[in-house]
């Protein structure tokens, strides 16, 4: 994988043992692959949580809701299957 950098982190011994067990059992190609995938998945989860929080905030923002409703009204004709005018 291009652009890899070596880093050091401290992890609990039990966690390291669980990683080692997964690799030995063939559930992960390597400890590096397992840790990389776990971090990628956790970062995606954090990103989704931030997105959901922003959407929840927007859902309670009256000005945002009014703007969305106005856009829906302005462009409702685009949604018509026949492409006709209003």
N, C-alpha and C. Protein backbone atom coordinates (compact mmCIF):
# COMPACT_ATOMS: atom_id res chain seq x y z
N UNK A 1 0.85 -1.18 0.00
CA UNK A 1 0.00 0.00 0.00
C UNK A 1 0.90 1.24 0.00
N UNK A 2 0.80 2.11 -1.00
CA UNK A 2 1.67 3.28 -1.07
C UNK A 2 1.35 4.30 0.02
N UNK A 3 2.37 5.02 0.42
CA UNK A 3 2.18 6.07 1.40
C UNK A 3 2.04 5.60 2.83
N UNK A 4 2.46 4.40 3.13
CA UNK A 4 2.37 3.91 4.50
C UNK A 4 3.46 4.53 5.35
N UNK A 5 3.11 4.78 6.61
CA UNK A 5 4.07 5.30 7.58
C UNK A 5 4.00 4.44 8.82
N UNK A 6 5.13 4.22 9.43
CA UNK A 6 5.18 3.47 10.68
C UNK A 6 4.87 4.40 11.85
N UNK A 7 4.01 3.92 12.75
CA UNK A 7 3.66 4.66 13.96
C UNK A 7 3.66 3.69 15.13
N UNK A 8 3.71 4.25 16.32
CA UNK A 8 3.66 3.42 17.53
C UNK A 8 2.51 3.88 18.41
N UNK A 9 1.74 2.91 18.90
CA UNK A 9 0.64 3.19 19.82
C UNK A 9 0.72 2.20 20.96
N UNK A 10 0.27 2.61 22.12
CA UNK A 10 0.19 1.70 23.26
C UNK A 10 -1.22 1.16 23.36
N UNK A 11 -1.33 -0.16 23.44
CA UNK A 11 -2.62 -0.82 23.54
C UNK A 11 -2.59 -1.80 24.69
N UNK A 12 -3.75 -2.07 25.28
CA UNK A 12 -3.80 -3.06 26.36
C UNK A 12 -3.36 -4.43 25.84
N UNK A 13 -2.68 -5.17 26.70
CA UNK A 13 -2.18 -6.49 26.34
C UNK A 13 -3.29 -7.41 25.86
N UNK A 14 -4.47 -7.32 26.48
CA UNK A 14 -5.59 -8.17 26.08
C UNK A 14 -6.02 -7.88 24.64
N UNK A 15 -5.98 -6.62 24.27
CA UNK A 15 -6.36 -6.23 22.92
C UNK A 15 -5.34 -6.75 21.91
N UNK A 16 -4.09 -6.62 22.23
CA UNK A 16 -3.05 -7.14 21.35
C UNK A 16 -3.15 -8.65 21.20
N UNK A 17 -3.47 -9.34 22.28
CA UNK A 17 -3.64 -10.78 22.23
C UNK A 17 -4.83 -11.16 21.34
N UNK A 18 -5.90 -10.40 21.43
CA UNK A 18 -7.08 -10.65 20.60
C UNK A 18 -6.74 -10.44 19.12
N UNK A 19 -5.94 -9.43 18.81
CA UNK A 19 -5.50 -9.18 17.44
C UNK A 19 -4.67 -10.36 16.95
N UNK A 20 -3.72 -10.78 17.77
CA UNK A 20 -2.86 -11.91 17.43
C UNK A 20 -3.69 -13.17 17.18
N UNK A 21 -4.68 -13.42 18.03
CA UNK A 21 -5.55 -14.59 17.88
C UNK A 21 -6.32 -14.53 16.56
N UNK A 22 -6.82 -13.36 16.19
CA UNK A 22 -7.56 -13.20 14.93
C UNK A 22 -6.66 -13.50 13.73
N UNK A 23 -5.44 -13.03 13.78
CA UNK A 23 -4.50 -13.27 12.68
C UNK A 23 -4.17 -14.76 12.60
N UNK A 24 -3.88 -15.37 13.74
CA UNK A 24 -3.54 -16.80 13.75
C UNK A 24 -4.70 -17.67 13.29
N UNK A 25 -5.92 -17.21 13.56
CA UNK A 25 -7.10 -17.98 13.15
C UNK A 25 -7.48 -17.71 11.69
N UNK A 26 -6.76 -16.81 11.05
CA UNK A 26 -7.02 -16.51 9.65
C UNK A 26 -8.16 -15.53 9.42
N UNK A 27 -8.63 -14.88 10.48
CA UNK A 27 -9.72 -13.92 10.33
C UNK A 27 -9.22 -12.55 9.89
N UNK A 28 -7.92 -12.37 9.89
CA UNK A 28 -7.29 -11.14 9.40
C UNK A 28 -5.97 -11.53 8.76
N UNK A 29 -5.60 -10.82 7.70
CA UNK A 29 -4.37 -11.14 6.98
C UNK A 29 -3.14 -10.85 7.83
N UNK A 30 -3.23 -9.80 8.62
CA UNK A 30 -2.11 -9.41 9.48
C UNK A 30 -2.63 -8.48 10.56
N UNK A 31 -1.79 -8.28 11.58
CA UNK A 31 -2.17 -7.33 12.63
C UNK A 31 -2.31 -5.93 12.04
N UNK A 32 -1.40 -5.56 11.14
CA UNK A 32 -1.49 -4.25 10.50
C UNK A 32 -2.79 -4.09 9.74
N UNK A 33 -3.18 -5.11 8.98
CA UNK A 33 -4.41 -5.05 8.20
C UNK A 33 -5.63 -4.93 9.12
N UNK A 34 -5.63 -5.68 10.20
CA UNK A 34 -6.74 -5.64 11.14
C UNK A 34 -6.85 -4.26 11.79
N UNK A 35 -5.75 -3.72 12.25
CA UNK A 35 -5.76 -2.41 12.91
C UNK A 35 -6.15 -1.32 11.91
N UNK A 36 -5.60 -1.38 10.70
CA UNK A 36 -5.94 -0.40 9.66
C UNK A 36 -7.43 -0.41 9.38
N UNK A 37 -8.00 -1.62 9.20
CA UNK A 37 -9.43 -1.74 8.91
C UNK A 37 -10.27 -1.25 10.08
N UNK A 38 -9.86 -1.57 11.29
CA UNK A 38 -10.60 -1.13 12.48
C UNK A 38 -10.62 0.39 12.58
N UNK A 39 -9.48 1.01 12.31
CA UNK A 39 -9.42 2.47 12.36
C UNK A 39 -10.26 3.08 11.25
N UNK A 40 -10.19 2.52 10.04
CA UNK A 40 -11.00 3.02 8.93
C UNK A 40 -12.49 2.96 9.27
N UNK A 41 -12.92 1.83 9.81
CA UNK A 41 -14.33 1.66 10.15
C UNK A 41 -14.74 2.61 11.27
N UNK A 42 -13.89 2.80 12.25
CA UNK A 42 -14.22 3.70 13.36
C UNK A 42 -14.30 5.14 12.87
N UNK A 43 -13.39 5.54 11.99
CA UNK A 43 -13.44 6.90 11.44
C UNK A 43 -14.71 7.12 10.62
N UNK A 44 -15.13 6.11 9.87
CA UNK A 44 -16.40 6.21 9.12
C UNK A 44 -17.56 6.37 10.08
N UNK A 45 -17.53 5.62 11.18
CA UNK A 45 -18.58 5.71 12.19
C UNK A 45 -18.63 7.11 12.79
N UNK A 46 -17.47 7.67 13.12
CA UNK A 46 -17.43 9.02 13.66
C UNK A 46 -17.95 10.05 12.66
N UNK A 47 -17.59 9.86 11.39
CA UNK A 47 -18.06 10.76 10.34
C UNK A 47 -19.58 10.69 10.22
N UNK A 48 -20.13 9.49 10.28
CA UNK A 48 -21.58 9.32 10.20
C UNK A 48 -22.27 9.94 11.40
N UNK A 49 -21.68 9.80 12.57
CA UNK A 49 -22.27 10.40 13.77
C UNK A 49 -22.28 11.92 13.65
N UNK A 50 -21.22 12.50 13.11
CA UNK A 50 -21.17 13.95 12.92
C UNK A 50 -22.22 14.38 11.90
N UNK A 51 -22.38 13.61 10.82
CA UNK A 51 -23.39 13.90 9.80
C UNK A 51 -24.79 13.84 10.41
N UNK A 52 -25.06 12.79 11.17
CA UNK A 52 -26.37 12.63 11.79
C UNK A 52 -26.66 13.76 12.77
N UNK A 53 -25.65 14.20 13.51
CA UNK A 53 -25.83 15.32 14.44
C UNK A 53 -26.14 16.60 13.67
N UNK A 54 -25.45 16.81 12.56
CA UNK A 54 -25.71 18.01 11.74
C UNK A 54 -27.11 17.96 11.16
N UNK A 55 -27.56 16.78 10.72
CA UNK A 55 -28.91 16.66 10.17
C UNK A 55 -29.97 16.87 11.25
N UNK A 56 -29.71 16.38 12.44
CA UNK A 56 -30.64 16.58 13.55
C UNK A 56 -30.73 18.07 13.89
N UNK A 57 -29.60 18.75 13.86
CA UNK A 57 -29.60 20.18 14.13
C UNK A 57 -30.36 20.93 13.04
N UNK A 58 -30.12 20.55 11.79
CA UNK A 58 -30.80 21.19 10.67
C UNK A 58 -32.31 20.96 10.74
N UNK A 59 -32.72 19.77 11.17
CA UNK A 59 -34.13 19.44 11.24
C UNK A 59 -34.89 20.31 12.24
N UNK A 60 -34.17 20.90 13.17
CA UNK A 60 -34.82 21.78 14.14
C UNK A 60 -34.57 23.26 13.84
N UNK A 61 -33.96 23.54 12.69
CA UNK A 61 -33.66 24.92 12.29
C UNK A 61 -34.78 25.41 11.36
N UNK A 62 -35.63 26.29 11.88
CA UNK A 62 -36.80 26.76 11.14
C UNK A 62 -36.42 27.40 9.80
N UNK A 63 -35.36 28.19 9.78
CA UNK A 63 -34.95 28.85 8.55
C UNK A 63 -34.51 27.81 7.50
N UNK A 64 -33.78 26.79 7.94
CA UNK A 64 -33.34 25.72 7.03
C UNK A 64 -34.55 24.98 6.46
N UNK A 65 -35.50 24.63 7.31
CA UNK A 65 -36.70 23.90 6.87
C UNK A 65 -37.49 24.75 5.89
N UNK A 66 -37.64 26.04 6.17
CA UNK A 66 -38.36 26.93 5.25
C UNK A 66 -37.65 27.00 3.90
N UNK A 67 -36.32 27.06 3.92
CA UNK A 67 -35.54 27.11 2.68
C UNK A 67 -35.73 25.83 1.87
N UNK A 68 -35.69 24.69 2.54
CA UNK A 68 -35.89 23.41 1.86
C UNK A 68 -37.29 23.34 1.25
N UNK A 69 -38.28 23.75 2.02
CA UNK A 69 -39.66 23.72 1.52
C UNK A 69 -39.81 24.64 0.31
N UNK A 70 -39.17 25.80 0.35
CA UNK A 70 -39.25 26.72 -0.78
C UNK A 70 -38.58 26.12 -2.02
N UNK A 71 -37.43 25.47 -1.83
CA UNK A 71 -36.75 24.81 -2.96
C UNK A 71 -37.62 23.70 -3.53
N UNK A 72 -38.26 22.94 -2.68
CA UNK A 72 -39.13 21.87 -3.15
C UNK A 72 -40.29 22.44 -3.96
N UNK A 73 -40.85 23.53 -3.51
CA UNK A 73 -41.94 24.19 -4.23
C UNK A 73 -41.45 24.73 -5.56
N UNK A 74 -40.30 25.39 -5.55
CA UNK A 74 -39.76 26.00 -6.77
C UNK A 74 -39.44 24.97 -7.85
N UNK A 75 -39.03 23.78 -7.45
CA UNK A 75 -38.59 22.78 -8.41
C UNK A 75 -39.50 21.56 -8.51
N UNK A 76 -40.71 21.66 -8.00
CA UNK A 76 -41.59 20.49 -8.01
C UNK A 76 -41.91 20.03 -9.43
N UNK A 77 -41.92 20.93 -10.37
CA UNK A 77 -42.22 20.55 -11.75
C UNK A 77 -41.15 19.64 -12.34
N UNK A 78 -39.91 19.73 -11.83
CA UNK A 78 -38.82 18.89 -12.34
C UNK A 78 -39.09 17.42 -12.03
N UNK A 79 -39.80 17.17 -10.94
CA UNK A 79 -40.07 15.80 -10.53
C UNK A 79 -41.16 15.12 -11.36
N UNK A 80 -41.85 15.86 -12.17
CA UNK A 80 -42.91 15.25 -12.98
C UNK A 80 -42.33 14.30 -13.99
N UNK A 81 -42.90 13.15 -14.14
CA UNK A 81 -42.38 12.13 -15.04
C UNK A 81 -42.44 12.56 -16.49
N UNK A 82 -43.46 13.34 -16.87
CA UNK A 82 -43.60 13.71 -18.27
C UNK A 82 -42.76 14.92 -18.65
N UNK A 83 -42.08 15.52 -17.64
CA UNK A 83 -41.21 16.68 -17.91
C UNK A 83 -41.98 17.91 -18.32
N UNK A 84 -43.28 17.89 -18.10
CA UNK A 84 -44.12 19.02 -18.49
C UNK A 84 -43.95 20.22 -17.59
N UNK A 85 -44.59 21.28 -17.94
CA UNK A 85 -44.51 22.51 -17.13
C UNK A 85 -45.51 22.44 -15.99
N UNK A 86 -45.44 23.43 -15.12
CA UNK A 86 -46.33 23.49 -13.95
C UNK A 86 -47.71 23.44 -14.38
